[in-house]
Structures are given as structure tokens and as C-alpha cells.
Amino acid sequence: MTAEHTDTADVVVERLDAALRLTMSAPQKKNAIGSGMYLKMVEALDEAAADASIRAVWIRGAGGVFTSGNDIDDFRNQVDSDDWPAARFIDALVTFPKPIVAQVEGLAIGIGTTMLLHCDLIYASKDTRFQLPFVNLGLVPEAGASYLLPRLIGQAKAAELILLGGSFGAEEAVTLGLVNNALPADEVARAAEAAVMVLVKQPPNAVINSKALLRAPLTGNLRDRVRDEIVQFGAGIKSEEFTEALTAFMERREPTF
């Protein structure tokens, strides 16, 4: 595939023939996503949605890491905003009409896992660790996870992943139906690229219409739930529980609630 790319320091946007590839690239913080990164990805997704010549989007992280989640310090600074960049990114994913392929490696923490609920084909390296540590931090999940996970993997398993907040591996993610395949690290990029190359050659309207039909049973009140989660997430960041959880993490001790 022929690449034309724009390097915006922490998000690399590449045009690969009829596909757009977004690479989260903040290696100093394991690709934790800050507000600037969210806004760059929103802009890229909005442009890709409107550009008929782009048939698919490919999302990955640089340096063998997908993302370690939200940049919490940055996120705390956005808590009083009426237009959170993270919320705009989630909405851009929820409403994106074309297929999204995710190449997942190393870590997929927090939003790194929940954003995958809005991707269509997901290929993970076998060593990837997934986690939904929101409750651990005194927060609620985001990106519609509280709505989608019970429907996708069942109420009991969703409660386990969200309420206990433990990490799980790629093989379990495959078993749960959260990712398509768990592959050796050196095969993940090839698998993602192969899927993208097939997608861009498919009849575009049939792909868009099929995605809409596949997603229809899951959408329902999803956007309302996403908004409710964001409100509660924001309240959580202001809470004593979050402050204690974050302080304990930084001080390498058990939190006391």
C-alpha cells in the first residue's frame, strides 16, 4: 500500500491508497491519550467519513503498544468542559459509517479496550493485556462499555471485567468475542493490513450498509448511555475516591476507601 502521511507528533495520520491509518504515538507515556490526540483523531475520522475515496480506517499504537488509556492528568483538566475531547472521540467512533480495523499490541487499558467495542475487525498480539480499571480508580466505565459489554459477553462476565477491574489476555479476549484473533507479535500488522486491503476492494455501499445492519442491534440507546457515562466519569474525577486511588497508585500502596 502506498503511504502519504502527516506526522502531528502524537498522532500520525497516513493515507494508504483507499484507507486511512491512525497511529497513536506518545511512547514516553505508552501512548496514553491526551486531549490533543483525541481531537486529531476526531478530525481524521470526520474527514474520512466525508471522503468517499476512503473505504476503511486502520487504528494502531506506536512502539508495540496500543494505548495505556487516558492521560489522567490531562483528562482532569478537561473535567469542567462542556465539550470533552474524549467524548467527541467516542461519538466519532460510534457514528463512523465505514469499517475500522484495530491492530492491538502490548497494552489496551481503559479506553484502549472500550474503543475496540466500536471497531469492526480487531487483531491482537498474544502478549496484549486488556483491562477496564475504571472502578479501581473510583470511576465508571466509558465509551458505552456499560451498555455494550453485557450484550456482547453476558451480564456476569461484564460485571467481572468492570467491577473487579482485573487484566485479561488476548486469548480470553478472542474467547469472549472482543477481538477476532490473537497472533504472534510479528504477524499482527500483516493481519490488520490484509483485512484493510480486502475491505478497500469491497463494494463500498454494501460495506457501509452491512456495517449499519450489524451495528443496529447494539446501538439502541447507546449514545444516551455514552453521555450518562461521561457525566458520571466527570463526577468521579472530582471525587475523594479517585483522588485516593490515584494517590495510592503513585505512592505504590493499597488505597483505603
C-alpha atoms as a PDB file:
ATOM      1  CA  MET A   1       0.000   0.000   0.000  1.00  0.00           C
ATOM      2  CA  THR A   2       1.290   3.464  -0.898  1.00  0.00           C
ATOM      3  CA  ALA A   3       1.536   5.811   2.090  1.00  0.00           C
ATOM      4  CA  GLU A   4       1.075   9.559   2.334  1.00  0.00           C
ATOM      5  CA  HIS A   5       1.350  10.701   5.918  1.00  0.00           C
ATOM      6  CA  THR A   6       1.013  13.692   8.194  1.00  0.00           C
ATOM      7  CA  ASP A   7       3.035  13.498  11.401  1.00  0.00           C
ATOM      8  CA  THR A   8       1.405  15.560  14.156  1.00  0.00           C
ATOM      9  CA  ALA A   9       3.897  14.362  16.795  1.00  0.00           C
ATOM     10  CA  ASP A  10       1.497  12.288  18.886  1.00  0.00           C
ATOM     11  CA  VAL A  11      -0.853  11.080  16.138  1.00  0.00           C
ATOM     12  CA  VAL A  12       0.447  10.018  12.744  1.00  0.00           C
ATOM     13  CA  VAL A  13      -2.188  10.177  10.007  1.00  0.00           C
ATOM     14  CA  GLU A  14      -1.365   8.216   6.856  1.00  0.00           C
ATOM     15  CA  ARG A  15      -3.289   7.878   3.646  1.00  0.00           C
ATOM     16  CA  LEU A  16      -2.742   4.341   2.329  1.00  0.00           C
ATOM     17  CA  ASP A  17      -4.432   4.320  -1.052  1.00  0.00           C
ATOM     18  CA  ALA A  18      -8.126   3.927  -0.139  1.00  0.00           C
ATOM     19  CA  ALA A  19      -7.500   3.539   3.607  1.00  0.00           C
ATOM     20  CA  LEU A  20      -6.577   5.901   6.417  1.00  0.00           C
ATOM     21  CA  ARG A  21      -4.204   4.725   9.156  1.00  0.00           C
ATOM     22  CA  LEU A  22      -4.085   6.450  12.542  1.00  0.00           C
ATOM     23  CA  THR A  23      -1.105   5.720  14.788  1.00  0.00           C
ATOM     24  CA  MET A  24      -1.182   6.870  18.401  1.00  0.00           C
ATOM     25  CA  SER A  25       2.410   7.885  19.040  1.00  0.00           C
ATOM     26  CA  ALA A  26       3.263   9.092  22.530  1.00  0.00           C
ATOM     27  CA  PRO A  27       5.845   6.458  23.523  1.00  0.00           C
ATOM     28  CA  GLN A  28       7.053   8.365  26.589  1.00  0.00           C
ATOM     29  CA  LYS A  29       3.658   7.668  28.193  1.00  0.00           C
ATOM     30  CA  LYS A  30       2.853   4.350  26.492  1.00  0.00           C
ATOM     31  CA  ASN A  31       0.537   6.125  24.068  1.00  0.00           C
ATOM     32  CA  ALA A  32      -1.745   7.451  26.821  1.00  0.00           C
ATOM     33  CA  ILE A  33      -4.287   9.628  25.055  1.00  0.00           C
ATOM     34  CA  GLY A  34      -4.494  13.328  25.835  1.00  0.00           C
ATOM     35  CA  SER A  35      -6.997  15.900  24.624  1.00  0.00           C
ATOM     36  CA  GLY A  36      -4.849  16.963  21.679  1.00  0.00           C
ATOM     37  CA  MET A  37      -4.570  13.370  20.476  1.00  0.00           C
ATOM     38  CA  TYR A  38      -8.320  12.884  20.781  1.00  0.00           C
ATOM     39  CA  LEU A  39      -9.024  15.989  18.729  1.00  0.00           C
ATOM     40  CA  LYS A  40      -6.573  14.981  15.994  1.00  0.00           C
ATOM     41  CA  MET A  41      -8.211  11.568  15.716  1.00  0.00           C
ATOM     42  CA  VAL A  42     -11.688  13.145  15.672  1.00  0.00           C
ATOM     43  CA  GLU A  43     -10.626  15.418  12.823  1.00  0.00           C
ATOM     44  CA  ALA A  44      -9.168  12.486  10.900  1.00  0.00           C
ATOM     45  CA  LEU A  45     -12.270  10.330  11.435  1.00  0.00           C
ATOM     46  CA  ASP A  46     -14.631  13.130  10.422  1.00  0.00           C
ATOM     47  CA  GLU A  47     -12.651  13.749   7.239  1.00  0.00           C
ATOM     48  CA  ALA A  48     -12.534  10.022   6.464  1.00  0.00           C
ATOM     49  CA  ALA A  49     -16.294   9.720   6.967  1.00  0.00           C
ATOM     50  CA  ALA A  50     -16.905  12.523   4.476  1.00  0.00           C
ATOM     51  CA  ASP A  51     -14.327  11.367   1.894  1.00  0.00           C
ATOM     52  CA  ALA A  52     -15.861   8.805  -0.453  1.00  0.00           C
ATOM     53  CA  SER A  53     -12.398   7.734  -1.623  1.00  0.00           C
ATOM     54  CA  ILE A  54     -11.539   6.409   1.852  1.00  0.00           C
ATOM     55  CA  ARG A  55     -13.040   2.977   2.340  1.00  0.00           C
ATOM     56  CA  ALA A  56     -11.627   1.890   5.731  1.00  0.00           C
ATOM     57  CA  VAL A  57      -9.695   3.127   8.776  1.00  0.00           C
ATOM     58  CA  TRP A  58      -6.833   1.297  10.496  1.00  0.00           C
ATOM     59  CA  ILE A  59      -6.005   2.234  14.104  1.00  0.00           C
ATOM     60  CA  ARG A  60      -2.836   1.195  15.931  1.00  0.00           C
ATOM     61  CA  GLY A  61      -0.299   2.361  18.521  1.00  0.00           C
ATOM     62  CA  ALA A  62       3.408   3.039  18.023  1.00  0.00           C
ATOM     63  CA  GLY A  63       6.228   1.052  19.577  1.00  0.00           C
ATOM     64  CA  GLY A  64       4.377  -2.213  20.102  1.00  0.00           C
ATOM     65  CA  VAL A  65       1.834  -0.639  22.498  1.00  0.00           C
ATOM     66  CA  PHE A  66      -1.760   0.165  21.597  1.00  0.00           C
ATOM     67  CA  THR A  67      -2.521   2.556  24.468  1.00  0.00           C
ATOM     68  CA  SER A  68      -2.242   2.663  28.260  1.00  0.00           C
ATOM     69  CA  GLY A  69      -5.526   4.580  28.403  1.00  0.00           C
ATOM     70  CA  ASN A  70      -6.427   8.152  29.159  1.00  0.00           C
ATOM     71  CA  ASP A  71      -3.755  10.647  30.096  1.00  0.00           C
ATOM     72  CA  ILE A  72      -5.316  11.175  33.520  1.00  0.00           C
ATOM     73  CA  ASP A  73      -3.640  14.499  34.324  1.00  0.00           C
ATOM     74  CA  ASP A  74      -4.823  15.898  31.007  1.00  0.00           C
ATOM     75  CA  PHE A  75      -8.282  14.400  31.499  1.00  0.00           C
ATOM     76  CA  ARG A  76      -8.655  16.016  34.934  1.00  0.00           C
ATOM     77  CA  ASN A  77      -8.046  19.401  33.333  1.00  0.00           C
ATOM     78  CA  GLN A  78     -10.944  18.808  30.945  1.00  0.00           C
ATOM     79  CA  VAL A  79     -13.485  17.750  33.559  1.00  0.00           C
ATOM     80  CA  ASP A  80     -15.398  21.039  33.621  1.00  0.00           C
ATOM     81  CA  SER A  81     -15.539  21.355  29.851  1.00  0.00           C
ATOM     82  CA  ASP A  82     -18.908  21.028  28.101  1.00  0.00           C
ATOM     83  CA  ASP A  83     -17.164  19.607  25.042  1.00  0.00           C
ATOM     84  CA  TRP A  84     -14.685  16.998  26.224  1.00  0.00           C
ATOM     85  CA  PRO A  85     -12.277  15.839  23.523  1.00  0.00           C
ATOM     86  CA  ALA A  86     -12.643  12.248  24.796  1.00  0.00           C
ATOM     87  CA  ALA A  87     -16.420  12.448  24.447  1.00  0.00           C
ATOM     88  CA  ARG A  88     -16.065  13.824  20.921  1.00  0.00           C
ATOM     89  CA  PHE A  89     -13.744  10.947  20.019  1.00  0.00           C
ATOM     90  CA  ILE A  90     -16.165   8.348  21.364  1.00  0.00           C
ATOM     91  CA  ASP A  91     -19.026   9.927  19.413  1.00  0.00           C
ATOM     92  CA  ALA A  92     -16.901   9.950  16.249  1.00  0.00           C
ATOM     93  CA  LEU A  93     -16.274   6.214  16.702  1.00  0.00           C
ATOM     94  CA  VAL A  94     -19.905   5.393  17.484  1.00  0.00           C
ATOM     95  CA  THR A  95     -21.163   7.193  14.387  1.00  0.00           C
ATOM     96  CA  PHE A  96     -18.350   6.298  11.976  1.00  0.00           C
ATOM     97  CA  PRO A  97     -20.028   4.617   8.987  1.00  0.00           C
ATOM     98  CA  LYS A  98     -17.080   2.759   7.466  1.00  0.00           C
ATOM     99  CA  PRO A  99     -15.181  -0.270   8.778  1.00  0.00           C
ATOM    100  CA  ILE A 100     -12.479   0.262  11.399  1.00  0.00           C
ATOM    101  CA  VAL A 101      -9.646  -2.246  11.759  1.00  0.00           C
ATOM    102  CA  ALA A 102      -7.648  -2.226  15.007  1.00  0.00           C
ATOM    103  CA  GLN A 103      -4.090  -3.515  15.404  1.00  0.00           C
ATOM    104  CA  VAL A 104      -3.676  -4.098  19.142  1.00  0.00           C
ATOM    105  CA  GLU A 105      -0.364  -4.818  20.856  1.00  0.00           C
ATOM    106  CA  GLY A 106       1.168  -4.697  24.309  1.00  0.00           C
ATOM    107  CA  LEU A 107      -1.407  -2.782  26.353  1.00  0.00           C
ATOM    108  CA  ALA A 108      -5.054  -1.939  25.799  1.00  0.00           C
ATOM    109  CA  ILE A 109      -6.058  -0.265  29.047  1.00  0.00           C
ATOM    110  CA  GLY A 110      -9.279   1.640  29.747  1.00  0.00           C
ATOM    111  CA  ILE A 111     -10.242   3.468  26.564  1.00  0.00           C
ATOM    112  CA  GLY A 112      -7.756   1.153  24.841  1.00  0.00           C
ATOM    113  CA  THR A 113     -10.235  -1.665  25.446  1.00  0.00           C
ATOM    114  CA  THR A 114     -13.517   0.246  25.281  1.00  0.00           C
ATOM    115  CA  MET A 115     -12.750   1.857  21.917  1.00  0.00           C
ATOM    116  CA  LEU A 116     -12.449  -1.634  20.465  1.00  0.00           C
ATOM    117  CA  LEU A 117     -16.166  -2.101  21.088  1.00  0.00           C
ATOM    118  CA  HIS A 118     -16.660   0.336  18.208  1.00  0.00           C
ATOM    119  CA  CYS A 119     -14.137  -1.250  15.842  1.00  0.00           C
ATOM    120  CA  ASP A 120     -15.186  -3.903  13.357  1.00  0.00           C
ATOM    121  CA  LEU A 121     -12.144  -6.146  12.936  1.00  0.00           C
ATOM    122  CA  ILE A 122      -9.594  -6.428  15.746  1.00  0.00           C
ATOM    123  CA  TYR A 123      -6.274  -8.289  15.624  1.00  0.00           C
ATOM    124  CA  ALA A 124      -4.223  -8.539  18.819  1.00  0.00           C
ATOM    125  CA  SER A 125      -0.775  -9.802  19.671  1.00  0.00           C
ATOM    126  CA  LYS A 126      -0.821 -12.766  22.024  1.00  0.00           C
ATOM    127  CA  ASP A 127       1.032 -10.789  24.690  1.00  0.00           C
ATOM    128  CA  THR A 128      -1.542  -7.970  24.835  1.00  0.00           C
ATOM    129  CA  ARG A 129      -3.040  -7.222  28.240  1.00  0.00           C
ATOM    130  CA  PHE A 130      -6.533  -5.757  28.312  1.00  0.00           C
ATOM    131  CA  GLN A 131      -8.053  -4.036  31.344  1.00  0.00           C
ATOM    132  CA  LEU A 132     -11.060  -1.963  32.395  1.00  0.00           C
ATOM    133  CA  PRO A 133      -9.691  -0.398  35.603  1.00  0.00           C
ATOM    134  CA  PHE A 134     -12.359   2.293  35.981  1.00  0.00           C
ATOM    135  CA  VAL A 135     -13.897   1.118  39.269  1.00  0.00           C
ATOM    136  CA  ASN A 136     -10.384   0.558  40.660  1.00  0.00           C
ATOM    137  CA  LEU A 137      -9.866   4.303  40.163  1.00  0.00           C
ATOM    138  CA  GLY A 138     -13.209   5.339  41.658  1.00  0.00           C
ATOM    139  CA  LEU A 139     -14.746   5.884  38.206  1.00  0.00           C
ATOM    140  CA  VAL A 140     -17.367   4.353  35.923  1.00  0.00           C
ATOM    141  CA  PRO A 141     -16.583   2.870  32.501  1.00  0.00           C
ATOM    142  CA  GLU A 142     -16.896   4.974  29.346  1.00  0.00           C
ATOM    143  CA  ALA A 143     -17.388   4.630  25.587  1.00  0.00           C
ATOM    144  CA  GLY A 144     -20.674   2.813  26.122  1.00  0.00           C
ATOM    145  CA  ALA A 145     -18.985  -0.160  27.805  1.00  0.00           C
ATOM    146  CA  SER A 146     -21.725  -0.451  30.436  1.00  0.00           C
ATOM    147  CA  TYR A 147     -24.263  -0.763  27.613  1.00  0.00           C
ATOM    148  CA  LEU A 148     -22.341  -2.903  25.136  1.00  0.00           C
ATOM    149  CA  LEU A 149     -20.405  -5.388  27.249  1.00  0.00           C
ATOM    150  CA  PRO A 150     -23.428  -7.118  28.862  1.00  0.00           C
ATOM    151  CA  ARG A 151     -24.960  -7.500  25.414  1.00  0.00           C
ATOM    152  CA  LEU A 152     -21.767  -8.816  23.843  1.00  0.00           C
ATOM    153  CA  ILE A 153     -20.358 -11.097  26.544  1.00  0.00           C
ATOM    154  CA  GLY A 154     -23.176 -11.538  29.079  1.00  0.00           C
ATOM    155  CA  GLN A 155     -24.071  -9.816  32.314  1.00  0.00           C
ATOM    156  CA  ALA A 156     -21.920 -11.949  34.623  1.00  0.00           C
ATOM    157  CA  LYS A 157     -18.707 -11.636  32.616  1.00  0.00           C
ATOM    158  CA  ALA A 158     -19.260  -7.926  32.039  1.00  0.00           C
ATOM    159  CA  ALA A 159     -19.673  -7.464  35.805  1.00  0.00           C
ATOM    160  CA  GLU A 160     -16.429  -9.370  36.397  1.00  0.00           C
ATOM    161  CA  LEU A 161     -14.410  -7.265  33.980  1.00  0.00           C
ATOM    162  CA  ILE A 162     -15.862  -3.929  35.138  1.00  0.00           C
ATOM    163  CA  LEU A 163     -16.390  -4.409  38.880  1.00  0.00           C
ATOM    164  CA  LEU A 164     -13.230  -6.385  39.621  1.00  0.00           C
ATOM    165  CA  GLY A 165     -11.129  -4.471  37.108  1.00  0.00           C
ATOM    166  CA  GLY A 166      -8.568  -7.232  36.542  1.00  0.00           C
ATOM    167  CA  SER A 167      -6.488  -7.617  33.420  1.00  0.00           C
ATOM    168  CA  PHE A 168      -7.028 -10.364  30.872  1.00  0.00           C
ATOM    169  CA  GLY A 169      -5.117 -11.679  27.905  1.00  0.00           C
ATOM    170  CA  ALA A 170      -5.635 -11.820  24.182  1.00  0.00           C
ATOM    171  CA  GLU A 171      -6.723 -15.448  24.108  1.00  0.00           C
ATOM    172  CA  GLU A 172      -9.522 -14.698  26.570  1.00  0.00           C
ATOM    173  CA  ALA A 173     -10.457 -11.649  24.521  1.00  0.00           C
ATOM    174  CA  VAL A 174     -10.861 -13.936  21.497  1.00  0.00           C
ATOM    175  CA  THR A 175     -12.962 -16.394  23.502  1.00  0.00           C
ATOM    176  CA  LEU A 176     -15.202 -13.557  24.683  1.00  0.00           C
ATOM    177  CA  GLY A 177     -15.612 -12.309  21.124  1.00  0.00           C
ATOM    178  CA  LEU A 178     -13.945  -8.960  21.808  1.00  0.00           C
ATOM    179  CA  VAL A 179     -11.203  -9.486  19.217  1.00  0.00           C
ATOM    180  CA  ASN A 180     -11.030 -11.551  16.036  1.00  0.00           C
ATOM    181  CA  ASN A 181      -7.679 -13.228  16.515  1.00  0.00           C
ATOM    182  CA  ALA A 182      -4.667 -13.422  18.822  1.00  0.00           C
ATOM    183  CA  LEU A 183      -1.450 -13.709  16.844  1.00  0.00           C
ATOM    184  CA  PRO A 184       2.315 -13.755  17.360  1.00  0.00           C
ATOM    185  CA  ALA A 185       3.609 -10.196  17.651  1.00  0.00           C
ATOM    186  CA  ASP A 186       5.276 -10.260  14.240  1.00  0.00           C
ATOM    187  CA  GLU A 187       2.038 -11.259  12.491  1.00  0.00           C
ATOM    188  CA  VAL A 188      -0.416  -8.697  13.876  1.00  0.00           C
ATOM    189  CA  ALA A 189       0.416  -5.849  11.500  1.00  0.00           C
ATOM    190  CA  ARG A 190       0.209  -8.177   8.498  1.00  0.00           C
ATOM    191  CA  ALA A 191      -3.205  -9.450   9.611  1.00  0.00           C
ATOM    192  CA  ALA A 192      -4.544  -5.923  10.048  1.00  0.00           C
ATOM    193  CA  GLU A 193      -3.159  -4.825   6.685  1.00  0.00           C
ATOM    194  CA  ALA A 194      -4.592  -7.890   4.956  1.00  0.00           C
ATOM    195  CA  ALA A 195      -8.053  -7.117   6.329  1.00  0.00           C
ATOM    196  CA  VAL A 196      -7.779  -3.483   5.247  1.00  0.00           C
ATOM    197  CA  MET A 197      -6.706  -4.494   1.747  1.00  0.00           C
ATOM    198  CA  VAL A 198      -9.770  -6.719   1.388  1.00  0.00           C
ATOM    199  CA  LEU A 199     -12.122  -4.065   2.768  1.00  0.00           C
ATOM    200  CA  VAL A 200     -10.991  -1.311   0.392  1.00  0.00           C
ATOM    201  CA  LYS A 201     -11.715  -3.577  -2.592  1.00  0.00           C
ATOM    202  CA  GLN A 202     -15.222  -4.472  -1.468  1.00  0.00           C
ATOM    203  CA  PRO A 203     -18.223  -2.578  -2.905  1.00  0.00           C
ATOM    204  CA  PRO A 204     -18.313   0.474  -0.632  1.00  0.00           C
ATOM    205  CA  ASN A 205     -22.054   0.965  -0.287  1.00  0.00           C
ATOM    206  CA  ALA A 206     -22.579  -2.703   0.512  1.00  0.00           C
ATOM    207  CA  VAL A 207     -19.885  -2.465   3.207  1.00  0.00           C
ATOM    208  CA  ILE A 208     -21.385   0.680   4.750  1.00  0.00           C
ATOM    209  CA  ASN A 209     -24.917  -0.720   4.679  1.00  0.00           C
ATOM    210  CA  SER A 210     -23.797  -4.058   6.091  1.00  0.00           C
ATOM    211  CA  LYS A 211     -21.940  -2.366   8.932  1.00  0.00           C
ATOM    212  CA  ALA A 212     -25.057  -0.349   9.744  1.00  0.00           C
ATOM    213  CA  LEU A 213     -27.155  -3.525   9.849  1.00  0.00           C
ATOM    214  CA  LEU A 214     -24.589  -5.330  12.014  1.00  0.00           C
ATOM    215  CA  ARG A 215     -24.440  -2.433  14.462  1.00  0.00           C
ATOM    216  CA  ALA A 216     -28.189  -1.760  14.589  1.00  0.00           C
ATOM    217  CA  PRO A 217     -28.973  -4.257  17.398  1.00  0.00           C
ATOM    218  CA  LEU A 218     -26.263  -2.671  19.550  1.00  0.00           C
ATOM    219  CA  THR A 219     -26.978   0.998  19.000  1.00  0.00           C
ATOM    220  CA  GLY A 220     -30.403   1.440  20.627  1.00  0.00           C
ATOM    221  CA  ASN A 221     -29.843   3.956  23.402  1.00  0.00           C
ATOM    222  CA  LEU A 222     -26.058   3.688  23.142  1.00  0.00           C
ATOM    223  CA  ARG A 223     -25.416   7.395  22.618  1.00  0.00           C
ATOM    224  CA  ASP A 224     -27.576   8.259  25.626  1.00  0.00           C
ATOM    225  CA  ARG A 225     -25.597   5.790  27.713  1.00  0.00           C
ATOM    226  CA  VAL A 226     -22.312   7.238  26.467  1.00  0.00           C
ATOM    227  CA  ARG A 227     -23.431  10.685  27.621  1.00  0.00           C
ATOM    228  CA  ASP A 228     -24.562   9.340  31.006  1.00  0.00           C
ATOM    229  CA  GLU A 229     -21.201   7.640  31.485  1.00  0.00           C
ATOM    230  CA  ILE A 230     -19.308  10.820  30.665  1.00  0.00           C
ATOM    231  CA  VAL A 231     -21.313  12.804  33.248  1.00  0.00           C
ATOM    232  CA  GLN A 232     -20.618  10.205  35.939  1.00  0.00           C
ATOM    233  CA  PHE A 233     -16.995   9.851  34.836  1.00  0.00           C
ATOM    234  CA  GLY A 234     -16.539  13.595  35.273  1.00  0.00           C
ATOM    235  CA  ALA A 235     -18.110  13.498  38.712  1.00  0.00           C
ATOM    236  CA  GLY A 236     -15.846  10.595  39.610  1.00  0.00           C
ATOM    237  CA  ILE A 237     -12.702  12.511  38.715  1.00  0.00           C
ATOM    238  CA  LYS A 238     -13.733  15.169  41.243  1.00  0.00           C
ATOM    239  CA  SER A 239     -14.384  12.569  43.946  1.00  0.00           C
ATOM    240  CA  GLU A 240     -12.378  11.635  47.021  1.00  0.00           C
ATOM    241  CA  GLU A 241     -12.305   8.029  45.813  1.00  0.00           C
ATOM    242  CA  PHE A 242     -10.497   8.951  42.621  1.00  0.00           C
ATOM    243  CA  THR A 243      -8.056  11.188  44.492  1.00  0.00           C
ATOM    244  CA  GLU A 244      -7.224   8.370  46.913  1.00  0.00           C
ATOM    245  CA  ALA A 245      -6.945   5.761  44.146  1.00  0.00           C
ATOM    246  CA  LEU A 246      -4.604   7.927  42.089  1.00  0.00           C
ATOM    247  CA  THR A 247      -2.512   8.951  45.098  1.00  0.00           C
ATOM    248  CA  ALA A 248      -2.165   5.341  46.209  1.00  0.00           C
ATOM    249  CA  PHE A 249      -1.124   4.306  42.713  1.00  0.00           C
ATOM    250  CA  MET A 250       1.556   6.992  42.578  1.00  0.00           C
ATOM    251  CA  GLU A 251       2.753   6.107  46.074  1.00  0.00           C
ATOM    252  CA  ARG A 252       2.751   2.371  45.237  1.00  0.00           C
ATOM    253  CA  ARG A 253       0.451   1.427  48.120  1.00  0.00           C
ATOM    254  CA  GLU A 254      -3.005  -0.071  48.567  1.00  0.00           C
ATOM    255  CA  PRO A 255      -5.766   2.560  48.514  1.00  0.00           C
ATOM    256  CA  THR A 256      -8.064   2.994  51.503  1.00  0.00           C
ATOM    257  CA  PHE A 257     -11.699   3.696  50.702  1.00  0.00           C
END
